[in-house]
Amino acid sequence: MKTTCYSNATKFASSTKLNIYSLMIILAVMFLSCENKIDPIPKSDFLTYPSLTVKDFRSETNDSGKLQLVMSSPLLEQYDNIAFPYSEFSSGIKAVFYDGKTVPVASVTAKYAKYTKTNNMWELKDSVVVLNENNYKLETEVLNWNQETDLIYTDRFVKITNEDQITQGFGFESDLRGEKRRIKKVSAIIYLKDEE
């Protein structure tokens, strides 16, 4: 009986050594046969992705505790890792201006917007509508805003509606408040109220 136990223990020990040797050989073959087949991702591919993505974006700007601006968009994508960083609002944008008042004094909506940080330029595209507290409405397909000079302009068709008339034309320039505005080439003026 002792011989049988000794024989089984010897078989077990040699079997375990065989299994360990086999496992080491398999691991060595696997380790030596592995090759790094993953190509590094080119740096340029990273630059095509936004550095920040925000869904249901909403931002409030205050000055001395008074609300100045509320800006919202379904999607904001910010690209900071490029030569000319910009923010893109590809699903549209809405900006409501308060100027410290409790009710809005103006609003802007567009189906697309882009803000370039290096030159403080806004570009609004597709169904751009500007409304102010004096029932002044500007409609165009492209509107640019230079924040440094507070100049709003476009070279496209514009339609300006107020209580008295509709003015249509091509090209437009204005200050931020719309007080010094002009259409470069007026194509039509439609009077809405009859003169008495």
N, C-alpha and C. Protein backbone atom coordinates (compact mmCIF):
# COMPACT_ATOMS: atom_id res chain seq x y z
N MET A 1 0.81 -1.18 0.00
CA MET A 1 0.00 0.00 0.00
C MET A 1 0.86 1.25 0.00
N LYS A 2 1.95 1.19 0.70
CA LYS A 2 2.86 2.33 0.67
C LYS A 2 3.44 2.50 -0.71
N THR A 3 3.72 1.45 -1.40
CA THR A 3 4.28 1.52 -2.73
C THR A 3 3.28 2.16 -3.69
N THR A 4 2.02 1.81 -3.57
CA THR A 4 0.99 2.37 -4.42
C THR A 4 0.85 3.86 -4.19
N CYS A 5 0.85 4.27 -2.93
CA CYS A 5 0.74 5.70 -2.61
C CYS A 5 1.96 6.43 -3.14
N TYR A 6 3.12 5.84 -2.98
CA TYR A 6 4.34 6.47 -3.45
C TYR A 6 4.32 6.57 -4.96
N SER A 7 3.84 5.58 -5.60
CA SER A 7 3.77 5.54 -7.05
C SER A 7 2.78 6.59 -7.56
N ASN A 8 1.62 6.75 -6.90
CA ASN A 8 0.63 7.75 -7.30
C ASN A 8 1.18 9.17 -7.06
N ALA A 9 1.91 9.36 -5.99
CA ALA A 9 2.48 10.67 -5.70
C ALA A 9 3.55 11.00 -6.73
N THR A 10 4.32 10.03 -7.15
CA THR A 10 5.34 10.26 -8.16
C THR A 10 4.71 10.60 -9.50
N LYS A 11 3.64 9.85 -9.83
CA LYS A 11 2.94 10.11 -11.08
C LYS A 11 2.35 11.53 -11.06
N PHE A 12 1.77 11.91 -9.91
CA PHE A 12 1.15 13.24 -9.79
C PHE A 12 2.21 14.34 -9.92
N ALA A 13 3.37 14.15 -9.26
CA ALA A 13 4.43 15.15 -9.31
C ALA A 13 4.98 15.26 -10.73
N SER A 14 5.19 14.18 -11.42
CA SER A 14 5.72 14.25 -12.78
C SER A 14 4.66 14.81 -13.73
N SER A 15 3.39 14.48 -13.46
CA SER A 15 2.30 15.02 -14.28
C SER A 15 2.18 16.53 -14.08
N THR A 16 2.34 17.01 -12.86
CA THR A 16 2.27 18.44 -12.57
C THR A 16 3.44 19.16 -13.22
N LYS A 17 4.64 18.55 -13.16
CA LYS A 17 5.80 19.16 -13.80
C LYS A 17 5.59 19.24 -15.31
N LEU A 18 5.02 18.19 -15.87
CA LEU A 18 4.75 18.17 -17.30
C LEU A 18 3.75 19.27 -17.67
N ASN A 19 2.72 19.41 -16.86
CA ASN A 19 1.71 20.45 -17.12
C ASN A 19 2.33 21.85 -17.01
N ILE A 20 3.19 22.05 -16.04
CA ILE A 20 3.83 23.36 -15.85
C ILE A 20 4.76 23.64 -17.02
N TYR A 21 5.54 22.65 -17.44
CA TYR A 21 6.42 22.83 -18.58
C TYR A 21 5.61 23.11 -19.85
N SER A 22 4.54 22.39 -20.04
CA SER A 22 3.69 22.59 -21.21
C SER A 22 3.10 24.00 -21.21
N LEU A 23 2.63 24.42 -20.06
CA LEU A 23 2.05 25.76 -19.94
C LEU A 23 3.10 26.83 -20.22
N MET A 24 4.32 26.65 -19.71
CA MET A 24 5.38 27.62 -19.95
C MET A 24 5.74 27.69 -21.43
N ILE A 25 5.78 26.53 -22.09
CA ILE A 25 6.10 26.50 -23.51
C ILE A 25 4.99 27.20 -24.32
N ILE A 26 3.74 26.93 -23.98
CA ILE A 26 2.62 27.56 -24.69
C ILE A 26 2.65 29.07 -24.50
N LEU A 27 2.89 29.52 -23.27
CA LEU A 27 2.95 30.96 -23.00
C LEU A 27 4.13 31.61 -23.72
N ALA A 28 5.28 30.93 -23.75
CA ALA A 28 6.45 31.47 -24.44
C ALA A 28 6.18 31.58 -25.93
N VAL A 29 5.54 30.59 -26.52
CA VAL A 29 5.22 30.63 -27.96
C VAL A 29 4.23 31.76 -28.23
N MET A 30 3.22 31.89 -27.37
CA MET A 30 2.23 32.95 -27.56
C MET A 30 2.89 34.33 -27.42
N PHE A 31 3.73 34.49 -26.44
CA PHE A 31 4.37 35.77 -26.20
C PHE A 31 5.29 36.15 -27.36
N LEU A 32 6.06 35.17 -27.83
CA LEU A 32 7.01 35.45 -28.90
C LEU A 32 6.32 35.60 -30.26
N SER A 33 5.17 34.98 -30.43
CA SER A 33 4.49 35.07 -31.72
C SER A 33 3.60 36.30 -31.82
N CYS A 34 3.30 36.98 -30.71
CA CYS A 34 2.44 38.18 -30.75
C CYS A 34 3.19 39.32 -31.42
N GLU A 35 2.47 40.04 -32.22
CA GLU A 35 3.04 41.18 -32.92
C GLU A 35 2.11 42.37 -32.72
N ASN A 36 2.67 43.53 -32.54
CA ASN A 36 1.86 44.72 -32.35
C ASN A 36 1.34 45.17 -33.71
N LYS A 37 0.10 44.77 -34.02
CA LYS A 37 -0.47 45.05 -35.33
C LYS A 37 -1.32 46.32 -35.33
N ILE A 38 -1.48 46.97 -34.20
CA ILE A 38 -2.29 48.17 -34.12
C ILE A 38 -1.45 49.35 -34.58
N ASP A 39 -1.90 49.99 -35.66
CA ASP A 39 -1.21 51.17 -36.15
C ASP A 39 -1.58 52.36 -35.27
N PRO A 40 -0.63 53.20 -35.00
CA PRO A 40 -0.96 54.39 -34.22
C PRO A 40 -1.92 55.29 -35.00
N ILE A 41 -2.82 55.92 -34.27
CA ILE A 41 -3.79 56.82 -34.90
C ILE A 41 -3.08 58.13 -35.22
N PRO A 42 -3.15 58.56 -36.46
CA PRO A 42 -2.48 59.82 -36.82
C PRO A 42 -3.05 60.99 -36.02
N LYS A 43 -2.19 61.92 -35.71
CA LYS A 43 -2.60 63.08 -34.92
C LYS A 43 -3.70 63.87 -35.63
N SER A 44 -3.66 63.89 -36.94
CA SER A 44 -4.66 64.65 -37.69
C SER A 44 -6.07 64.11 -37.48
N ASP A 45 -6.21 62.81 -37.21
CA ASP A 45 -7.54 62.24 -36.95
C ASP A 45 -8.14 62.79 -35.66
N PHE A 46 -7.30 63.03 -34.66
CA PHE A 46 -7.79 63.58 -33.40
C PHE A 46 -8.32 64.99 -33.59
N LEU A 47 -7.74 65.71 -34.52
CA LEU A 47 -8.13 67.10 -34.73
C LEU A 47 -9.50 67.24 -35.37
N THR A 48 -9.99 66.17 -35.99
CA THR A 48 -11.31 66.25 -36.62
C THR A 48 -12.44 66.04 -35.62
N TYR A 49 -12.13 65.60 -34.42
CA TYR A 49 -13.14 65.39 -33.40
C TYR A 49 -13.20 66.59 -32.47
N PRO A 50 -14.39 66.93 -31.99
CA PRO A 50 -14.48 68.06 -31.06
C PRO A 50 -13.80 67.76 -29.73
N SER A 51 -13.23 68.81 -29.14
CA SER A 51 -12.63 68.64 -27.82
C SER A 51 -13.69 68.71 -26.73
N LEU A 52 -14.87 69.24 -27.07
CA LEU A 52 -15.98 69.32 -26.13
C LEU A 52 -17.28 69.20 -26.90
N THR A 53 -18.19 68.35 -26.41
CA THR A 53 -19.52 68.20 -26.99
C THR A 53 -20.54 68.33 -25.88
N VAL A 54 -21.53 69.21 -26.08
CA VAL A 54 -22.56 69.43 -25.07
C VAL A 54 -23.92 69.31 -25.74
N LYS A 55 -24.77 68.46 -25.18
CA LYS A 55 -26.15 68.36 -25.65
C LYS A 55 -27.03 69.22 -24.75
N ASP A 56 -28.06 69.83 -25.35
CA ASP A 56 -28.98 70.72 -24.64
C ASP A 56 -28.20 71.80 -23.89
N PHE A 57 -27.36 72.48 -24.60
CA PHE A 57 -26.51 73.54 -24.06
C PHE A 57 -27.36 74.75 -23.67
N ARG A 58 -27.04 75.36 -22.52
CA ARG A 58 -27.68 76.60 -22.07
C ARG A 58 -26.67 77.38 -21.26
N SER A 59 -26.53 78.66 -21.59
CA SER A 59 -25.57 79.51 -20.90
C SER A 59 -26.23 80.84 -20.57
N GLU A 60 -25.99 81.32 -19.36
CA GLU A 60 -26.50 82.63 -18.94
C GLU A 60 -25.31 83.53 -18.63
N THR A 61 -25.38 84.76 -19.13
CA THR A 61 -24.34 85.75 -18.88
C THR A 61 -24.93 86.86 -18.01
N ASN A 62 -24.25 87.15 -16.91
CA ASN A 62 -24.70 88.19 -15.99
C ASN A 62 -23.62 89.25 -15.86
N ASP A 63 -24.05 90.47 -15.57
CA ASP A 63 -23.13 91.57 -15.30
C ASP A 63 -23.64 92.28 -14.06
N SER A 64 -22.85 92.29 -13.03
CA SER A 64 -23.22 92.91 -11.74
C SER A 64 -24.54 92.35 -11.22
N GLY A 65 -24.75 91.07 -11.40
CA GLY A 65 -25.94 90.40 -10.90
C GLY A 65 -27.17 90.57 -11.78
N LYS A 66 -27.03 91.25 -12.91
CA LYS A 66 -28.17 91.46 -13.81
C LYS A 66 -27.99 90.61 -15.06
N LEU A 67 -29.07 89.94 -15.45
CA LEU A 67 -29.05 89.05 -16.60
C LEU A 67 -28.84 89.85 -17.89
N GLN A 68 -27.87 89.40 -18.69
CA GLN A 68 -27.56 90.07 -19.95
C GLN A 68 -27.97 89.22 -21.16
N LEU A 69 -27.71 87.92 -21.08
CA LEU A 69 -27.89 87.06 -22.24
C LEU A 69 -28.17 85.63 -21.80
N VAL A 70 -29.10 84.97 -22.50
CA VAL A 70 -29.33 83.54 -22.34
C VAL A 70 -29.17 82.92 -23.72
N MET A 71 -28.24 82.00 -23.83
CA MET A 71 -27.96 81.34 -25.10
C MET A 71 -28.22 79.85 -24.93
N SER A 72 -28.90 79.24 -25.93
CA SER A 72 -29.19 77.81 -25.85
C SER A 72 -29.07 77.18 -27.23
N SER A 73 -28.79 75.88 -27.20
CA SER A 73 -28.64 75.12 -28.44
C SER A 73 -28.81 73.63 -28.12
N PRO A 74 -29.40 72.87 -29.05
CA PRO A 74 -29.49 71.43 -28.82
C PRO A 74 -28.13 70.74 -28.83
N LEU A 75 -27.14 71.33 -29.54
CA LEU A 75 -25.83 70.70 -29.63
C LEU A 75 -24.73 71.74 -29.82
N LEU A 76 -23.74 71.69 -28.96
CA LEU A 76 -22.55 72.55 -29.07
C LEU A 76 -21.35 71.63 -29.22
N GLU A 77 -20.53 71.89 -30.25
CA GLU A 77 -19.28 71.17 -30.43
C GLU A 77 -18.16 72.19 -30.50
N GLN A 78 -17.18 72.00 -29.64
CA GLN A 78 -16.07 72.96 -29.54
C GLN A 78 -14.79 72.30 -30.03
N TYR A 79 -14.08 73.00 -30.91
CA TYR A 79 -12.83 72.49 -31.49
C TYR A 79 -11.69 73.40 -31.04
N ASP A 80 -10.93 72.97 -30.05
CA ASP A 80 -9.86 73.78 -29.47
C ASP A 80 -8.46 73.39 -29.93
N ASN A 81 -8.29 72.21 -30.48
CA ASN A 81 -6.96 71.68 -30.79
C ASN A 81 -6.53 71.96 -32.22
N ILE A 82 -6.93 73.09 -32.76
CA ILE A 82 -6.58 73.46 -34.13
C ILE A 82 -6.06 74.89 -34.15
N ALA A 83 -5.55 75.31 -35.30
CA ALA A 83 -4.94 76.64 -35.41
C ALA A 83 -5.95 77.76 -35.14
N PHE A 84 -7.18 77.62 -35.65
CA PHE A 84 -8.22 78.63 -35.44
C PHE A 84 -9.38 77.98 -34.68
N PRO A 85 -9.31 77.95 -33.35
CA PRO A 85 -10.35 77.29 -32.56
C PRO A 85 -11.73 77.91 -32.81
N TYR A 86 -12.74 77.05 -32.79
CA TYR A 86 -14.11 77.54 -32.98
C TYR A 86 -15.10 76.65 -32.25
N SER A 87 -16.32 77.20 -32.07
CA SER A 87 -17.45 76.48 -31.52
C SER A 87 -18.51 76.41 -32.59
N GLU A 88 -19.11 75.24 -32.73
CA GLU A 88 -20.11 75.03 -33.78
C GLU A 88 -21.43 74.61 -33.16
N PHE A 89 -22.51 75.24 -33.61
CA PHE A 89 -23.85 74.95 -33.16
C PHE A 89 -24.61 74.40 -34.37
N SER A 90 -24.36 73.16 -34.72
CA SER A 90 -24.86 72.59 -35.97
C SER A 90 -26.35 72.28 -35.94
N SER A 91 -26.96 72.25 -34.77
CA SER A 91 -28.40 71.99 -34.67
C SER A 91 -29.19 73.25 -34.36
N GLY A 92 -28.55 74.39 -34.52
CA GLY A 92 -29.25 75.66 -34.31
C GLY A 92 -28.84 76.33 -33.02
N ILE A 93 -29.26 77.60 -32.90
CA ILE A 93 -28.94 78.40 -31.73
C ILE A 93 -30.05 79.42 -31.49
N LYS A 94 -30.23 79.76 -30.23
CA LYS A 94 -31.15 80.83 -29.86
C LYS A 94 -30.45 81.67 -28.79
N ALA A 95 -30.42 82.97 -29.02
CA ALA A 95 -29.82 83.89 -28.06
C ALA A 95 -30.87 84.95 -27.71
N VAL A 96 -31.10 85.14 -26.42
CA VAL A 96 -32.06 86.13 -25.94
C VAL A 96 -31.29 87.15 -25.12
N PHE A 97 -31.37 88.43 -25.53
CA PHE A 97 -30.65 89.52 -24.88
C PHE A 97 -31.58 90.23 -23.89
N TYR A 98 -31.08 90.48 -22.67
CA TYR A 98 -31.87 91.15 -21.64
C TYR A 98 -31.33 92.53 -21.28
N ASP A 99 -30.06 92.76 -21.43
CA ASP A 99 -29.42 94.03 -21.08
C ASP A 99 -29.76 94.48 -19.66
N GLY A 100 -29.84 93.54 -18.75
CA GLY A 100 -30.10 93.86 -17.35
C GLY A 100 -31.56 94.07 -17.02
N LYS A 101 -32.44 93.95 -18.00
CA LYS A 101 -33.88 94.12 -17.78
C LYS A 101 -34.51 92.78 -17.46
N THR A 102 -35.75 92.81 -16.99
CA THR A 102 -36.43 91.57 -16.63
C THR A 102 -37.11 90.92 -17.84
N VAL A 103 -37.33 91.70 -18.90
CA VAL A 103 -37.93 91.16 -20.12
C VAL A 103 -36.90 91.25 -21.25
N PRO A 104 -36.97 90.37 -22.23
CA PRO A 104 -36.00 90.40 -23.33
C PRO A 104 -36.09 91.69 -24.14
N VAL A 105 -34.93 92.18 -24.58
CA VAL A 105 -34.89 93.36 -25.44
C VAL A 105 -34.61 92.97 -26.89
N ALA A 106 -34.11 91.76 -27.11
CA ALA A 106 -33.84 91.28 -28.47
C ALA A 106 -33.60 89.77 -28.43
N SER A 107 -33.73 89.15 -29.60
CA SER A 107 -33.42 87.72 -29.71
C SER A 107 -32.92 87.42 -31.11
N VAL A 108 -32.15 86.35 -31.22
CA VAL A 108 -31.61 85.89 -32.49
C VAL A 108 -31.77 84.38 -32.54
N THR A 109 -32.25 83.87 -33.67
CA THR A 109 -32.33 82.42 -33.87
C THR A 109 -31.74 82.09 -35.25
N ALA A 110 -31.17 80.91 -35.35
CA ALA A 110 -30.62 80.42 -36.62
C ALA A 110 -30.54 78.90 -36.53
N LYS A 111 -30.56 78.25 -37.67
CA LYS A 111 -30.46 76.79 -37.70
C LYS A 111 -29.01 76.31 -37.62
N TYR A 112 -28.05 77.25 -37.79
CA TYR A 112 -26.63 76.90 -37.69
C TYR A 112 -25.88 78.14 -37.23
N ALA A 113 -24.86 77.93 -36.40
CA ALA A 113 -24.01 79.04 -35.97
C ALA A 113 -22.59 78.54 -35.73
N LYS A 114 -21.64 79.44 -35.93
CA LYS A 114 -20.24 79.12 -35.70
C LYS A 114 -19.58 80.35 -35.09
N TYR A 115 -18.84 80.13 -34.01
CA TYR A 115 -18.11 81.20 -33.34
C TYR A 115 -16.62 80.89 -33.42
N THR A 116 -15.85 81.80 -34.04
CA THR A 116 -14.39 81.64 -34.15
C THR A 116 -13.74 82.50 -33.07
N LYS A 117 -12.99 81.86 -32.18
CA LYS A 117 -12.43 82.53 -31.01
C LYS A 117 -11.32 83.53 -31.36
N THR A 118 -10.49 83.20 -32.33
CA THR A 118 -9.32 84.03 -32.61
C THR A 118 -9.68 85.44 -33.09
N ASN A 119 -10.78 85.58 -33.80
CA ASN A 119 -11.17 86.91 -34.28
C ASN A 119 -12.53 87.37 -33.75
N ASN A 120 -13.07 86.66 -32.77
CA ASN A 120 -14.36 87.01 -32.15
C ASN A 120 -15.46 87.22 -33.18
N MET A 121 -15.57 86.30 -34.11
CA MET A 121 -16.57 86.39 -35.18
C MET A 121 -17.65 85.32 -35.02
N TRP A 122 -18.90 85.75 -35.15
CA TRP A 122 -20.05 84.85 -35.19
C TRP A 122 -20.54 84.78 -36.63
N GLU A 123 -20.86 83.57 -37.07
CA GLU A 123 -21.47 83.37 -38.38
C GLU A 123 -22.75 82.57 -38.16
N LEU A 124 -23.88 83.18 -38.48
CA LEU A 124 -25.19 82.53 -38.35
C LEU A 124 -25.70 82.22 -39.75
N LYS A 125 -26.25 81.02 -39.92
CA LYS A 125 -26.72 80.60 -41.24
C LYS A 125 -28.07 79.92 -41.14
N ASP A 126 -28.80 79.97 -42.24
CA ASP A 126 -30.04 79.23 -42.42
C ASP A 126 -31.17 79.73 -41.52
N SER A 127 -32.07 80.48 -42.11
CA SER A 127 -33.26 81.00 -41.42
C SER A 127 -32.90 81.85 -40.22
N VAL A 128 -32.04 82.83 -40.43
CA VAL A 128 -31.63 83.74 -39.36
C VAL A 128 -32.73 84.77 -39.13
N VAL A 129 -33.17 84.91 -37.88
CA VAL A 129 -34.21 85.88 -37.53
C VAL A 129 -33.73 86.66 -36.31
N VAL A 130 -33.77 88.00 -36.44
CA VAL A 130 -33.41 88.89 -35.34
C VAL A 130 -34.66 89.70 -35.00
N LEU A 131 -35.04 89.72 -33.73
CA LEU A 131 -36.18 90.50 -33.24
C LEU A 131 -35.70 91.43 -32.14
N ASN A 132 -36.28 92.65 -32.08
CA ASN A 132 -35.95 93.51 -30.94
C ASN A 132 -37.21 94.05 -30.29
N GLU A 133 -37.04 94.80 -29.23
CA GLU A 133 -38.17 95.27 -28.44
C GLU A 133 -39.03 96.31 -29.16
N ASN A 134 -38.53 96.87 -30.24
CA ASN A 134 -39.28 97.87 -31.01
C ASN A 134 -40.04 97.25 -32.18
N ASN A 135 -40.29 95.96 -32.12
CA ASN A 135 -40.99 95.21 -33.18
C ASN A 135 -40.26 95.28 -34.53
N TYR A 136 -38.96 95.32 -34.46
CA TYR A 136 -38.09 95.30 -35.63
C TYR A 136 -37.68 93.85 -35.86
N LYS A 137 -37.88 93.36 -37.10
CA LYS A 137 -37.56 91.97 -37.42
C LYS A 137 -36.67 91.94 -38.65
N LEU A 138 -35.54 91.28 -38.53
CA LEU A 138 -34.60 91.10 -39.64
C LEU A 138 -34.57 89.62 -39.98
N GLU A 139 -34.71 89.32 -41.28
CA GLU A 139 -34.63 87.93 -41.74
C GLU A 139 -33.62 87.85 -42.87
N THR A 140 -32.74 86.84 -42.79
CA THR A 140 -31.74 86.61 -43.83
C THR A 140 -31.25 85.17 -43.74
N GLU A 141 -30.43 84.77 -44.69
CA GLU A 141 -29.88 83.42 -44.69
C GLU A 141 -28.49 83.35 -44.05
N VAL A 142 -27.76 84.44 -44.06
CA VAL A 142 -26.42 84.50 -43.45
C VAL A 142 -26.28 85.83 -42.74
N LEU A 143 -25.80 85.80 -41.52
CA LEU A 143 -25.55 87.03 -40.77
C LEU A 143 -24.25 86.87 -40.01
N ASN A 144 -23.36 87.84 -40.15
CA ASN A 144 -22.06 87.83 -39.46
C ASN A 144 -22.07 88.91 -38.39
N TRP A 145 -21.40 88.61 -37.27
CA TRP A 145 -21.29 89.57 -36.18
C TRP A 145 -19.84 89.61 -35.72
N ASN A 146 -19.21 90.77 -35.87
CA ASN A 146 -17.86 90.98 -35.38
C ASN A 146 -17.99 91.56 -33.98
N GLN A 147 -17.67 90.78 -32.97
CA GLN A 147 -17.83 91.22 -31.58
C GLN A 147 -16.87 92.34 -31.20
N GLU A 148 -15.72 92.40 -31.85
CA GLU A 148 -14.75 93.45 -31.52
C GLU A 148 -15.24 94.82 -31.96
N THR A 149 -15.89 94.89 -33.12
CA THR A 149 -16.37 96.18 -33.63
C THR A 149 -17.87 96.36 -33.42
N ASP A 150 -18.55 95.33 -32.92
CA ASP A 150 -20.01 95.34 -32.78
C ASP A 150 -20.73 95.61 -34.10
N LEU A 151 -20.18 95.12 -35.18
CA LEU A 151 -20.77 95.29 -36.50
C LEU A 151 -21.48 94.00 -36.91
N ILE A 152 -22.74 94.15 -37.34
CA ILE A 152 -23.52 93.03 -37.87
C ILE A 152 -23.66 93.28 -39.37
N TYR A 153 -23.40 92.26 -40.19
CA TYR A 153 -23.45 92.47 -41.63
C TYR A 153 -23.73 91.19 -42.40
N THR A 154 -24.17 91.37 -43.64
CA THR A 154 -24.35 90.27 -44.58
C THR A 154 -24.30 90.84 -45.99
N ASP A 155 -23.99 89.98 -46.95
CA ASP A 155 -24.06 90.39 -48.36
C ASP A 155 -25.23 89.72 -49.05
N ARG A 156 -26.04 89.01 -48.30
CA ARG A 156 -27.17 88.25 -48.84
C ARG A 156 -28.47 89.06 -48.81
N PHE A 157 -29.52 88.43 -49.30
CA PHE A 157 -30.84 89.03 -49.29
C PHE A 157 -31.30 89.23 -47.85
N VAL A 158 -31.91 90.39 -47.56
CA VAL A 158 -32.45 90.67 -46.23
C VAL A 158 -33.87 91.20 -46.36
N LYS A 159 -34.62 90.94 -45.32
CA LYS A 159 -35.99 91.46 -45.22
C LYS A 159 -36.14 92.04 -43.82
N ILE A 160 -36.47 93.33 -43.77
CA ILE A 160 -36.65 94.01 -42.49
C ILE A 160 -38.12 94.42 -42.38
N THR A 161 -38.75 93.99 -41.31
CA THR A 161 -40.15 94.29 -41.08
C THR A 161 -40.29 95.07 -39.79
N ASN A 162 -41.06 96.17 -39.84
CA ASN A 162 -41.44 96.88 -38.61
C ASN A 162 -42.93 97.18 -38.70
N GLU A 163 -43.47 98.00 -37.83
CA GLU A 163 -44.90 98.25 -37.80
C GLU A 163 -45.42 98.92 -39.06
N ASP A 164 -44.59 99.73 -39.71
CA ASP A 164 -45.03 100.54 -40.84
C ASP A 164 -44.71 99.96 -42.21
N GLN A 165 -43.60 99.23 -42.32
CA GLN A 165 -43.18 98.82 -43.65
C GLN A 165 -42.33 97.56 -43.64
N ILE A 166 -42.20 96.99 -44.83
CA ILE A 166 -41.29 95.87 -45.10
C ILE A 166 -40.28 96.38 -46.11
N THR A 167 -39.00 96.24 -45.78
CA THR A 167 -37.94 96.66 -46.69
C THR A 167 -37.12 95.43 -47.06
N GLN A 168 -36.90 95.26 -48.36
CA GLN A 168 -36.13 94.13 -48.85
C GLN A 168 -34.94 94.64 -49.66
N GLY A 169 -33.87 93.85 -49.65
CA GLY A 169 -32.71 94.24 -50.43
C GLY A 169 -31.56 93.26 -50.26
N PHE A 170 -30.40 93.68 -50.75
CA PHE A 170 -29.20 92.85 -50.69
C PHE A 170 -28.10 93.61 -49.97
N GLY A 171 -27.44 92.94 -49.05
CA GLY A 171 -26.37 93.55 -48.27
C GLY A 171 -26.96 94.35 -47.12
N PHE A 172 -26.33 94.23 -45.98
CA PHE A 172 -26.85 94.88 -44.78
C PHE A 172 -25.71 95.13 -43.82
N GLU A 173 -25.74 96.29 -43.17
CA GLU A 173 -24.79 96.62 -42.10
C GLU A 173 -25.56 97.29 -40.98
N SER A 174 -25.13 97.03 -39.74
CA SER A 174 -25.78 97.65 -38.60
C SER A 174 -24.88 97.57 -37.38
N ASP A 175 -25.14 98.48 -36.43
CA ASP A 175 -24.52 98.34 -35.13
C ASP A 175 -25.28 97.26 -34.37
N LEU A 176 -24.81 96.90 -33.22
CA LEU A 176 -25.40 95.80 -32.46
C LEU A 176 -26.86 96.07 -32.08
N ARG A 177 -27.20 97.31 -31.78
CA ARG A 177 -28.56 97.65 -31.37
C ARG A 177 -29.50 97.85 -32.55
N GLY A 178 -28.99 97.92 -33.76
CA GLY A 178 -29.83 98.13 -34.93
C GLY A 178 -30.24 99.57 -35.13
N GLU A 179 -29.61 100.49 -34.42
CA GLU A 179 -29.96 101.91 -34.52
C GLU A 179 -29.36 102.54 -35.78
N LYS A 180 -28.18 102.13 -36.17
CA LYS A 180 -27.51 102.65 -37.37
C LYS A 180 -27.45 101.54 -38.39
N ARG A 181 -28.58 101.26 -39.01
CA ARG A 181 -28.65 100.17 -39.97
C ARG A 181 -28.88 100.70 -41.38
N ARG A 182 -28.39 99.93 -42.35
CA ARG A 182 -28.65 100.31 -43.74
C ARG A 182 -28.60 99.07 -44.61
N ILE A 183 -29.48 99.05 -45.59
CA ILE A 183 -29.47 98.02 -46.62
C ILE A 183 -28.69 98.61 -47.79
N LYS A 184 -27.71 97.89 -48.27
CA LYS A 184 -26.83 98.42 -49.31
C LYS A 184 -27.55 98.62 -50.65
N LYS A 185 -28.38 97.65 -51.04
CA LYS A 185 -29.10 97.76 -52.30
C LYS A 185 -30.56 97.39 -52.05
N VAL A 186 -31.40 98.41 -51.87
CA VAL A 186 -32.82 98.20 -51.60
C VAL A 186 -33.51 97.76 -52.88
N SER A 187 -34.30 96.67 -52.78
CA SER A 187 -35.03 96.18 -53.95
C SER A 187 -36.53 96.43 -53.84
N ALA A 188 -37.06 96.61 -52.62
CA ALA A 188 -38.49 96.87 -52.47
C ALA A 188 -38.78 97.48 -51.09
N ILE A 189 -39.76 98.39 -51.08
CA ILE A 189 -40.29 98.92 -49.83
C ILE A 189 -41.81 98.78 -49.91
N ILE A 190 -42.37 98.08 -48.98
CA ILE A 190 -43.82 97.84 -48.94
C ILE A 190 -44.36 98.51 -47.68
N TYR A 191 -45.28 99.48 -47.89
CA TYR A 191 -45.87 100.19 -46.75
C TYR A 191 -47.07 99.39 -46.24
N LEU A 192 -47.11 99.18 -44.95
CA LEU A 192 -48.17 98.35 -44.37
C LEU A 192 -49.37 99.17 -43.92
N LYS A 193 -49.19 100.44 -43.59
CA LYS A 193 -50.29 101.29 -43.13
C LYS A 193 -50.55 102.36 -44.17
N ASP A 194 -51.83 102.61 -44.43
CA ASP A 194 -52.19 103.69 -45.36
C ASP A 194 -52.00 105.02 -44.66
N GLU A 195 -51.52 105.99 -45.43
CA GLU A 195 -51.37 107.33 -44.89
C GLU A 195 -52.73 107.99 -44.78
N GLU A 196 -52.94 108.70 -43.71
CA GLU A 196 -54.25 109.34 -43.49
C GLU A 196 -54.25 110.75 -43.93
